[in-house]
Amino acid sequence: MLAFTPVSYAVQGSFELSREEFLRSVFGAEPPAAERVWITGELRTQVAAILDHEVSFMRAPYWRRGNTTVWVLDEIGKYKPITTAIVLQHKADGETSVQQVKVLAFRESRGWEVKYSFFTDQFIGVQRNPGGGLSHKVDGITGATMSVSALKKQAETALLLNRHVQAQ
C-alpha cells in the first residue's frame, strides 16, 4: 500500500518574502511610501480584459523611486491568490520594461514552480504591446498552466497600470 503524504500548505502558502523585505531588497533600507492608483472607468475595463474576469480590487499599491517602480498584485491561479511583485524599469527612451518578477506568496497546491528564477527570469525586458499582450513569449510549465497564466496577467496589468500612472 502506498503511503499518502499530504501537501504542506504551510510551506506552499507561506510568504517566501514579505512585501516589506522585498521592497527593501529593491530600494534599500528606506523604501518609498506606498502610492495607490484607483482602478475606475476605462482603466477598470482594460484591467478586466487582461485578467479575463471582473476586477476585484478598487486600488492597486505601488512604490516608486527614480526610474524604478514596484507593483504588488494578487491574481487567482486555479483557486487561490498568488501574490507577486513586479519591478519595472523606466528607460531614457520612455519605454518601461519588467526588471524582475518575484512570487511573494503561493497558496495553490500545484504550479509552485512559477516561483523559481528559471521561470520568472523570462519576464526580464518584457514590455506591454500597444494593442495588449506581452512583447515576448513566456514559456509555460507542464502542470502549472493556470499559475503561469496568473503571472503573465500580473505582469501585463503592472505594465498597464504603470503606463496609466506615468500619463497622469
N, C-alpha and C. Protein backbone atom coordinates (compact mmCIF):
# COMPACT_ATOMS: atom_id res chain seq x y z
N MET A 1 0.84 -1.18 0.00
CA MET A 1 0.00 0.00 0.00
C MET A 1 0.89 1.25 0.00
N LEU A 2 0.56 2.21 -0.85
CA LEU A 2 1.32 3.44 -0.94
C LEU A 2 0.93 4.38 0.19
N ALA A 3 1.91 5.00 0.77
CA ALA A 3 1.64 5.98 1.82
C ALA A 3 1.27 7.31 1.17
N PHE A 4 0.29 7.96 1.73
CA PHE A 4 -0.14 9.26 1.22
C PHE A 4 0.51 10.35 2.06
N THR A 5 1.23 11.23 1.39
CA THR A 5 1.84 12.37 2.08
C THR A 5 1.10 13.62 1.66
N PRO A 6 0.38 14.25 2.56
CA PRO A 6 -0.37 15.45 2.18
C PRO A 6 0.56 16.59 1.80
N VAL A 7 0.07 17.43 0.93
CA VAL A 7 0.82 18.62 0.52
C VAL A 7 0.93 19.54 1.72
N SER A 8 2.09 20.11 1.91
CA SER A 8 2.30 21.02 3.03
C SER A 8 1.83 22.42 2.64
N TYR A 9 0.60 22.74 2.96
CA TYR A 9 0.08 24.07 2.64
C TYR A 9 0.79 25.14 3.44
N ALA A 10 1.30 24.78 4.61
CA ALA A 10 2.01 25.77 5.42
C ALA A 10 3.24 26.28 4.68
N VAL A 11 3.93 25.39 3.97
CA VAL A 11 5.11 25.81 3.22
C VAL A 11 4.69 26.52 1.94
N GLN A 12 3.79 25.91 1.16
CA GLN A 12 3.41 26.50 -0.11
C GLN A 12 2.59 27.77 0.06
N GLY A 13 1.86 27.87 1.14
CA GLY A 13 1.04 29.05 1.35
C GLY A 13 1.75 30.15 2.12
N SER A 14 2.95 29.85 2.57
CA SER A 14 3.67 30.86 3.34
C SER A 14 4.31 31.88 2.41
N PHE A 15 4.62 33.01 2.98
CA PHE A 15 5.29 34.02 2.19
C PHE A 15 6.75 33.66 2.05
N GLU A 16 7.22 33.67 0.82
CA GLU A 16 8.63 33.45 0.55
C GLU A 16 9.43 34.62 1.11
N LEU A 17 8.85 35.79 0.95
CA LEU A 17 9.48 37.03 1.36
C LEU A 17 8.33 38.00 1.62
N SER A 18 8.40 38.74 2.70
CA SER A 18 7.33 39.70 2.95
C SER A 18 7.46 40.86 1.96
N ARG A 19 6.37 41.55 1.78
CA ARG A 19 6.38 42.72 0.89
C ARG A 19 7.43 43.72 1.34
N GLU A 20 7.51 43.95 2.64
CA GLU A 20 8.46 44.93 3.17
C GLU A 20 9.90 44.50 2.92
N GLU A 21 10.18 43.20 3.11
CA GLU A 21 11.54 42.70 2.85
C GLU A 21 11.89 42.84 1.36
N PHE A 22 10.91 42.54 0.51
CA PHE A 22 11.17 42.66 -0.92
C PHE A 22 11.43 44.12 -1.29
N LEU A 23 10.62 45.02 -0.77
CA LEU A 23 10.81 46.44 -1.08
C LEU A 23 12.19 46.93 -0.63
N ARG A 24 12.65 46.46 0.53
CA ARG A 24 13.99 46.82 0.98
C ARG A 24 15.06 46.24 0.07
N SER A 25 14.81 45.06 -0.50
CA SER A 25 15.79 44.46 -1.42
C SER A 25 15.89 45.26 -2.71
N VAL A 26 14.83 45.95 -3.08
CA VAL A 26 14.83 46.76 -4.31
C VAL A 26 15.32 48.18 -4.04
N PHE A 27 14.79 48.81 -2.98
CA PHE A 27 15.03 50.23 -2.74
C PHE A 27 16.05 50.53 -1.63
N GLY A 28 16.48 49.53 -0.90
CA GLY A 28 17.38 49.78 0.22
C GLY A 28 16.62 49.87 1.53
N ALA A 29 17.31 50.28 2.57
CA ALA A 29 16.76 50.29 3.93
C ALA A 29 15.52 51.14 4.09
N GLU A 30 15.39 52.20 3.30
CA GLU A 30 14.24 53.11 3.42
C GLU A 30 13.44 53.14 2.12
N PRO A 31 12.54 52.17 1.91
CA PRO A 31 11.71 52.19 0.70
C PRO A 31 10.80 53.41 0.67
N PRO A 32 10.40 53.84 -0.52
CA PRO A 32 9.48 54.98 -0.60
C PRO A 32 8.11 54.59 -0.03
N ALA A 33 7.32 55.58 0.28
CA ALA A 33 5.96 55.34 0.77
C ALA A 33 5.11 54.78 -0.36
N ALA A 34 4.14 53.98 0.00
CA ALA A 34 3.23 53.39 -0.98
C ALA A 34 2.36 54.49 -1.59
N GLU A 35 2.14 54.36 -2.87
CA GLU A 35 1.16 55.18 -3.58
C GLU A 35 0.08 54.22 -4.06
N ARG A 36 -1.05 54.75 -4.48
CA ARG A 36 -2.14 53.89 -4.97
C ARG A 36 -2.78 54.52 -6.19
N VAL A 37 -3.18 53.64 -7.09
CA VAL A 37 -3.93 54.10 -8.26
C VAL A 37 -5.34 53.51 -8.15
N TRP A 38 -6.33 54.35 -8.40
CA TRP A 38 -7.72 53.91 -8.39
C TRP A 38 -8.02 53.22 -9.71
N ILE A 39 -8.65 52.06 -9.63
CA ILE A 39 -9.00 51.28 -10.81
C ILE A 39 -10.46 51.58 -11.13
N THR A 40 -10.67 52.60 -11.97
CA THR A 40 -12.02 53.03 -12.32
C THR A 40 -12.12 53.28 -13.82
N GLY A 41 -13.34 53.41 -14.29
CA GLY A 41 -13.61 53.80 -15.68
C GLY A 41 -12.95 52.90 -16.71
N GLU A 42 -12.34 53.53 -17.70
CA GLU A 42 -11.70 52.80 -18.80
C GLU A 42 -10.54 51.94 -18.29
N LEU A 43 -9.83 52.41 -17.29
CA LEU A 43 -8.73 51.62 -16.73
C LEU A 43 -9.27 50.30 -16.16
N ARG A 44 -10.39 50.36 -15.49
CA ARG A 44 -11.01 49.15 -14.93
C ARG A 44 -11.39 48.18 -16.05
N THR A 45 -11.90 48.70 -17.14
CA THR A 45 -12.27 47.87 -18.29
C THR A 45 -11.03 47.21 -18.89
N GLN A 46 -9.94 47.96 -19.00
CA GLN A 46 -8.71 47.42 -19.57
C GLN A 46 -8.10 46.35 -18.67
N VAL A 47 -8.10 46.58 -17.37
CA VAL A 47 -7.57 45.58 -16.43
C VAL A 47 -8.42 44.32 -16.48
N ALA A 48 -9.74 44.46 -16.52
CA ALA A 48 -10.63 43.30 -16.60
C ALA A 48 -10.38 42.51 -17.88
N ALA A 49 -10.06 43.19 -18.97
CA ALA A 49 -9.77 42.49 -20.23
C ALA A 49 -8.48 41.66 -20.10
N ILE A 50 -7.49 42.19 -19.41
CA ILE A 50 -6.25 41.44 -19.20
C ILE A 50 -6.51 40.24 -18.29
N LEU A 51 -7.20 40.47 -17.19
CA LEU A 51 -7.43 39.41 -16.20
C LEU A 51 -8.45 38.38 -16.68
N ASP A 52 -9.27 38.77 -17.64
CA ASP A 52 -10.34 37.91 -18.16
C ASP A 52 -11.39 37.60 -17.10
N HIS A 53 -11.60 38.56 -16.21
CA HIS A 53 -12.67 38.48 -15.20
C HIS A 53 -12.85 39.88 -14.61
N GLU A 54 -13.92 40.05 -13.86
CA GLU A 54 -14.16 41.33 -13.20
C GLU A 54 -13.01 41.66 -12.25
N VAL A 55 -12.73 42.93 -12.13
CA VAL A 55 -11.67 43.39 -11.24
C VAL A 55 -12.21 43.39 -9.82
N SER A 56 -11.51 42.70 -8.92
CA SER A 56 -11.99 42.56 -7.54
C SER A 56 -11.38 43.58 -6.59
N PHE A 57 -10.56 44.49 -7.10
CA PHE A 57 -9.92 45.48 -6.22
C PHE A 57 -10.19 46.88 -6.77
N MET A 58 -10.27 47.83 -5.86
CA MET A 58 -10.56 49.22 -6.24
C MET A 58 -9.29 50.04 -6.43
N ARG A 59 -8.23 49.67 -5.70
CA ARG A 59 -6.97 50.41 -5.77
C ARG A 59 -5.83 49.40 -5.86
N ALA A 60 -4.75 49.82 -6.49
CA ALA A 60 -3.55 48.98 -6.59
C ALA A 60 -2.38 49.76 -6.00
N PRO A 61 -1.64 49.13 -5.08
CA PRO A 61 -0.49 49.82 -4.48
C PRO A 61 0.76 49.72 -5.36
N TYR A 62 1.56 50.76 -5.30
CA TYR A 62 2.86 50.73 -5.97
C TYR A 62 3.83 51.62 -5.22
N TRP A 63 5.11 51.37 -5.45
CA TRP A 63 6.19 52.11 -4.80
C TRP A 63 7.12 52.58 -5.91
N ARG A 64 7.51 53.85 -5.86
CA ARG A 64 8.29 54.42 -6.95
C ARG A 64 9.42 55.28 -6.40
N ARG A 65 10.59 55.08 -6.98
CA ARG A 65 11.73 55.94 -6.70
C ARG A 65 12.59 55.97 -7.96
N GLY A 66 12.86 57.17 -8.43
CA GLY A 66 13.68 57.31 -9.63
C GLY A 66 13.05 56.60 -10.82
N ASN A 67 13.81 55.75 -11.46
CA ASN A 67 13.34 55.03 -12.65
C ASN A 67 12.76 53.66 -12.33
N THR A 68 12.56 53.37 -11.06
CA THR A 68 12.09 52.05 -10.65
C THR A 68 10.73 52.15 -9.97
N THR A 69 9.82 51.26 -10.38
CA THR A 69 8.50 51.16 -9.76
C THR A 69 8.24 49.70 -9.44
N VAL A 70 7.69 49.44 -8.26
CA VAL A 70 7.31 48.09 -7.85
C VAL A 70 5.80 48.04 -7.68
N TRP A 71 5.19 47.03 -8.29
CA TRP A 71 3.77 46.75 -8.14
C TRP A 71 3.64 45.42 -7.43
N VAL A 72 2.77 45.33 -6.43
CA VAL A 72 2.48 44.07 -5.76
C VAL A 72 1.01 43.76 -6.01
N LEU A 73 0.79 42.67 -6.74
CA LEU A 73 -0.56 42.32 -7.18
C LEU A 73 -0.90 40.89 -6.80
N ASP A 74 -2.18 40.63 -6.61
CA ASP A 74 -2.71 39.28 -6.39
C ASP A 74 -3.51 38.88 -7.62
N GLU A 75 -3.39 37.63 -8.00
CA GLU A 75 -4.23 37.07 -9.06
C GLU A 75 -4.47 35.60 -8.72
N ILE A 76 -5.67 35.14 -9.00
CA ILE A 76 -6.02 33.75 -8.73
C ILE A 76 -5.28 32.85 -9.71
N GLY A 77 -4.67 31.79 -9.17
CA GLY A 77 -4.09 30.76 -10.02
C GLY A 77 -5.22 29.88 -10.50
N LYS A 78 -5.48 28.81 -9.78
CA LYS A 78 -6.65 27.98 -10.07
C LYS A 78 -7.78 28.32 -9.10
N TYR A 79 -7.43 28.32 -7.80
CA TYR A 79 -8.44 28.59 -6.78
C TYR A 79 -8.04 29.70 -5.82
N LYS A 80 -6.75 29.90 -5.64
CA LYS A 80 -6.27 30.81 -4.60
C LYS A 80 -5.35 31.87 -5.18
N PRO A 81 -5.21 32.99 -4.47
CA PRO A 81 -4.38 34.08 -4.99
C PRO A 81 -2.88 33.79 -4.93
N ILE A 82 -2.19 34.29 -5.92
CA ILE A 82 -0.74 34.30 -5.96
C ILE A 82 -0.33 35.76 -5.81
N THR A 83 0.49 36.06 -4.82
CA THR A 83 0.94 37.44 -4.59
C THR A 83 2.31 37.59 -5.25
N THR A 84 2.40 38.54 -6.16
CA THR A 84 3.61 38.72 -6.95
C THR A 84 4.03 40.17 -6.96
N ALA A 85 5.35 40.39 -6.86
CA ALA A 85 5.93 41.72 -7.00
C ALA A 85 6.54 41.82 -8.39
N ILE A 86 6.22 42.89 -9.09
CA ILE A 86 6.76 43.14 -10.43
C ILE A 86 7.54 44.44 -10.36
N VAL A 87 8.83 44.37 -10.66
CA VAL A 87 9.69 45.55 -10.66
C VAL A 87 9.81 46.03 -12.09
N LEU A 88 9.47 47.30 -12.31
CA LEU A 88 9.54 47.90 -13.64
C LEU A 88 10.65 48.93 -13.68
N GLN A 89 11.32 48.98 -14.80
CA GLN A 89 12.40 49.95 -15.01
C GLN A 89 11.99 50.88 -16.15
N HIS A 90 12.06 52.18 -15.91
CA HIS A 90 11.72 53.19 -16.90
C HIS A 90 13.01 53.59 -17.60
N LYS A 91 13.01 53.48 -18.91
CA LYS A 91 14.22 53.76 -19.69
C LYS A 91 14.22 55.20 -20.19
N ALA A 92 15.39 55.67 -20.59
CA ALA A 92 15.54 57.03 -21.09
C ALA A 92 14.69 57.28 -22.34
N ASP A 93 14.45 56.23 -23.14
CA ASP A 93 13.65 56.39 -24.37
C ASP A 93 12.15 56.44 -24.09
N GLY A 94 11.77 56.40 -22.80
CA GLY A 94 10.36 56.49 -22.44
C GLY A 94 9.68 55.14 -22.29
N GLU A 95 10.35 54.08 -22.68
CA GLU A 95 9.76 52.75 -22.56
C GLU A 95 9.93 52.22 -21.14
N THR A 96 9.04 51.34 -20.76
CA THR A 96 9.10 50.69 -19.46
C THR A 96 9.11 49.19 -19.69
N SER A 97 9.98 48.50 -18.98
CA SER A 97 10.03 47.04 -19.12
C SER A 97 10.17 46.40 -17.74
N VAL A 98 9.89 45.12 -17.71
CA VAL A 98 10.00 44.35 -16.47
C VAL A 98 11.48 44.13 -16.16
N GLN A 99 11.86 44.42 -14.94
CA GLN A 99 13.22 44.19 -14.48
C GLN A 99 13.30 42.91 -13.64
N GLN A 100 12.21 42.63 -12.90
CA GLN A 100 12.20 41.46 -12.03
C GLN A 100 10.77 41.07 -11.71
N VAL A 101 10.53 39.77 -11.57
CA VAL A 101 9.26 39.24 -11.09
C VAL A 101 9.60 38.32 -9.93
N LYS A 102 8.91 38.53 -8.80
CA LYS A 102 9.16 37.70 -7.62
C LYS A 102 7.83 37.28 -7.01
N VAL A 103 7.61 35.97 -6.91
CA VAL A 103 6.41 35.46 -6.24
C VAL A 103 6.65 35.59 -4.74
N LEU A 104 5.82 36.41 -4.10
CA LEU A 104 5.96 36.62 -2.66
C LEU A 104 5.20 35.56 -1.86
N ALA A 105 4.04 35.14 -2.38
CA ALA A 105 3.26 34.10 -1.70
C ALA A 105 2.54 33.25 -2.73
N PHE A 106 2.65 31.95 -2.58
CA PHE A 106 1.97 30.99 -3.46
C PHE A 106 1.10 30.11 -2.60
N ARG A 107 -0.19 30.07 -2.87
CA ARG A 107 -1.13 29.38 -1.99
C ARG A 107 -1.78 28.16 -2.64
N GLU A 108 -1.50 27.90 -3.89
CA GLU A 108 -2.10 26.76 -4.59
C GLU A 108 -1.38 25.46 -4.23
N SER A 109 -2.00 24.33 -4.51
CA SER A 109 -1.37 23.04 -4.25
C SER A 109 -0.53 22.58 -5.44
N ARG A 110 -0.72 23.19 -6.60
CA ARG A 110 0.06 22.86 -7.80
C ARG A 110 0.53 24.13 -8.49
N GLY A 111 1.56 23.97 -9.30
CA GLY A 111 2.04 25.09 -10.08
C GLY A 111 3.09 25.94 -9.40
N TRP A 112 3.58 25.49 -8.24
CA TRP A 112 4.52 26.26 -7.44
C TRP A 112 5.83 26.54 -8.15
N GLU A 113 6.10 25.85 -9.26
CA GLU A 113 7.35 26.07 -10.00
C GLU A 113 7.48 27.50 -10.52
N VAL A 114 6.37 28.22 -10.61
CA VAL A 114 6.42 29.60 -11.12
C VAL A 114 7.21 30.53 -10.20
N LYS A 115 7.49 30.11 -8.99
CA LYS A 115 8.23 30.99 -8.08
C LYS A 115 9.74 30.94 -8.30
N TYR A 116 10.21 30.01 -9.10
CA TYR A 116 11.65 29.87 -9.31
C TYR A 116 12.16 30.74 -10.44
N SER A 117 13.41 31.16 -10.31
CA SER A 117 14.01 32.08 -11.28
C SER A 117 14.08 31.52 -12.69
N PHE A 118 14.15 30.19 -12.86
CA PHE A 118 14.18 29.65 -14.22
C PHE A 118 12.92 30.05 -14.98
N PHE A 119 11.82 30.28 -14.26
CA PHE A 119 10.59 30.74 -14.89
C PHE A 119 10.50 32.27 -14.88
N THR A 120 10.67 32.90 -13.73
CA THR A 120 10.44 34.34 -13.62
C THR A 120 11.46 35.16 -14.42
N ASP A 121 12.65 34.63 -14.64
CA ASP A 121 13.65 35.37 -15.43
C ASP A 121 13.21 35.60 -16.87
N GLN A 122 12.24 34.82 -17.35
CA GLN A 122 11.72 35.01 -18.70
C GLN A 122 11.06 36.39 -18.87
N PHE A 123 10.62 36.99 -17.77
CA PHE A 123 9.91 38.27 -17.84
C PHE A 123 10.86 39.47 -17.98
N ILE A 124 12.15 39.27 -17.72
CA ILE A 124 13.09 40.39 -17.77
C ILE A 124 13.11 40.99 -19.17
N GLY A 125 12.90 42.30 -19.23
CA GLY A 125 12.89 43.02 -20.50
C GLY A 125 11.55 43.05 -21.21
N VAL A 126 10.56 42.34 -20.68
CA VAL A 126 9.24 42.30 -21.31
C VAL A 126 8.56 43.65 -21.18
N GLN A 127 7.88 44.05 -22.26
CA GLN A 127 7.08 45.26 -22.28
C GLN A 127 5.65 44.88 -22.65
N ARG A 128 4.76 45.84 -22.56
CA ARG A 128 3.37 45.61 -22.99
C ARG A 128 3.22 46.14 -24.40
N ASN A 129 2.69 45.30 -25.28
CA ASN A 129 2.42 45.73 -26.64
C ASN A 129 1.34 46.80 -26.63
N PRO A 130 1.40 47.76 -27.56
CA PRO A 130 0.39 48.83 -27.60
C PRO A 130 -1.05 48.31 -27.68
N GLY A 131 -1.25 47.21 -28.39
CA GLY A 131 -2.59 46.65 -28.52
C GLY A 131 -2.93 45.63 -27.45
N GLY A 132 -2.03 45.43 -26.51
CA GLY A 132 -2.24 44.45 -25.44
C GLY A 132 -1.35 43.24 -25.63
N GLY A 133 -1.14 42.52 -24.57
CA GLY A 133 -0.27 41.36 -24.60
C GLY A 133 1.17 41.74 -24.26
N LEU A 134 1.97 40.74 -24.02
CA LEU A 134 3.37 40.95 -23.67
C LEU A 134 4.24 40.90 -24.92
N SER A 135 5.33 41.63 -24.89
CA SER A 135 6.21 41.75 -26.06
C SER A 135 7.02 40.49 -26.35
N HIS A 136 7.18 39.62 -25.39
CA HIS A 136 7.95 38.39 -25.56
C HIS A 136 7.11 37.20 -25.12
N LYS A 137 7.36 36.07 -25.74
CA LYS A 137 6.71 34.83 -25.34
C LYS A 137 7.28 34.38 -24.00
N VAL A 138 6.40 33.95 -23.12
CA VAL A 138 6.80 33.39 -21.84
C VAL A 138 6.41 31.90 -21.89
N ASP A 139 7.40 31.04 -21.86
CA ASP A 139 7.14 29.60 -21.92
C ASP A 139 6.42 29.13 -20.68
N GLY A 140 5.49 28.20 -20.88
CA GLY A 140 4.74 27.64 -19.78
C GLY A 140 5.50 26.54 -19.06
N ILE A 141 4.85 25.98 -18.07
CA ILE A 141 5.38 24.87 -17.30
C ILE A 141 4.30 23.80 -17.26
N THR A 142 4.65 22.58 -17.64
CA THR A 142 3.69 21.48 -17.62
C THR A 142 3.13 21.33 -16.21
N GLY A 143 1.80 21.32 -16.11
CA GLY A 143 1.15 21.17 -14.82
C GLY A 143 0.96 22.47 -14.06
N ALA A 144 1.43 23.57 -14.62
CA ALA A 144 1.32 24.86 -13.94
C ALA A 144 0.65 25.90 -14.83
N THR A 145 -0.17 25.46 -15.75
CA THR A 145 -0.75 26.36 -16.75
C THR A 145 -1.47 27.55 -16.13
N MET A 146 -2.27 27.33 -15.12
CA MET A 146 -3.05 28.43 -14.54
C MET A 146 -2.17 29.37 -13.73
N SER A 147 -1.15 28.85 -13.09
CA SER A 147 -0.20 29.71 -12.35
C SER A 147 0.61 30.55 -13.33
N VAL A 148 1.04 29.95 -14.42
CA VAL A 148 1.78 30.68 -15.45
C VAL A 148 0.89 31.80 -15.99
N SER A 149 -0.34 31.48 -16.28
CA SER A 149 -1.28 32.48 -16.79
C SER A 149 -1.46 33.62 -15.80
N ALA A 150 -1.55 33.31 -14.52
CA ALA A 150 -1.72 34.34 -13.49
C ALA A 150 -0.53 35.30 -13.48
N LEU A 151 0.69 34.78 -13.56
CA LEU A 151 1.87 35.65 -13.55
C LEU A 151 1.95 36.50 -14.80
N LYS A 152 1.58 35.95 -15.94
CA LYS A 152 1.58 36.74 -17.18
C LYS A 152 0.56 37.87 -17.08
N LYS A 153 -0.61 37.58 -16.52
CA LYS A 153 -1.64 38.61 -16.32
C LYS A 153 -1.16 39.69 -15.36
N GLN A 154 -0.48 39.28 -14.30
CA GLN A 154 0.03 40.25 -13.32
C GLN A 154 1.07 41.16 -13.97
N ALA A 155 1.97 40.60 -14.76
CA ALA A 155 2.99 41.42 -15.41
C ALA A 155 2.35 42.42 -16.37
N GLU A 156 1.40 41.95 -17.17
CA GLU A 156 0.75 42.86 -18.12
C GLU A 156 -0.06 43.92 -17.38
N THR A 157 -0.73 43.54 -16.31
CA THR A 157 -1.50 44.51 -15.52
C THR A 157 -0.59 45.57 -14.92
N ALA A 158 0.55 45.15 -14.38
CA ALA A 158 1.50 46.12 -13.81
C ALA A 158 1.98 47.09 -14.87
N LEU A 159 2.29 46.59 -16.06
CA LEU A 159 2.74 47.47 -17.15
C LEU A 159 1.64 48.44 -17.57
N LEU A 160 0.39 47.97 -17.64
CA LEU A 160 -0.73 48.85 -17.98
C LEU A 160 -0.94 49.91 -16.90
N LEU A 161 -0.99 49.49 -15.63
CA LEU A 161 -1.20 50.44 -14.54
C LEU A 161 -0.07 51.46 -14.50
N ASN A 162 1.13 50.99 -14.74
CA ASN A 162 2.28 51.90 -14.72
C ASN A 162 2.17 52.94 -15.84
N ARG A 163 1.76 52.53 -17.01
CA ARG A 163 1.57 53.48 -18.12
C ARG A 163 0.53 54.51 -17.75
N HIS A 164 -0.54 54.05 -17.08
CA HIS A 164 -1.60 54.97 -16.65
C HIS A 164 -1.06 55.99 -15.65
N VAL A 165 -0.29 55.54 -14.67
CA VAL A 165 0.28 56.42 -13.65
C VAL A 165 1.27 57.41 -14.29
N GLN A 166 2.08 56.92 -15.21
CA GLN A 166 3.05 57.79 -15.89
C GLN A 166 2.36 58.89 -16.69
N ALA A 167 1.19 58.59 -17.24
CA ALA A 167 0.47 59.55 -18.07
C ALA A 167 -0.22 60.64 -17.25
N GLN A 168 -0.38 60.41 -15.95
CA GLN A 168 -1.08 61.39 -15.10
C GLN A 168 -0.20 62.57 -14.78
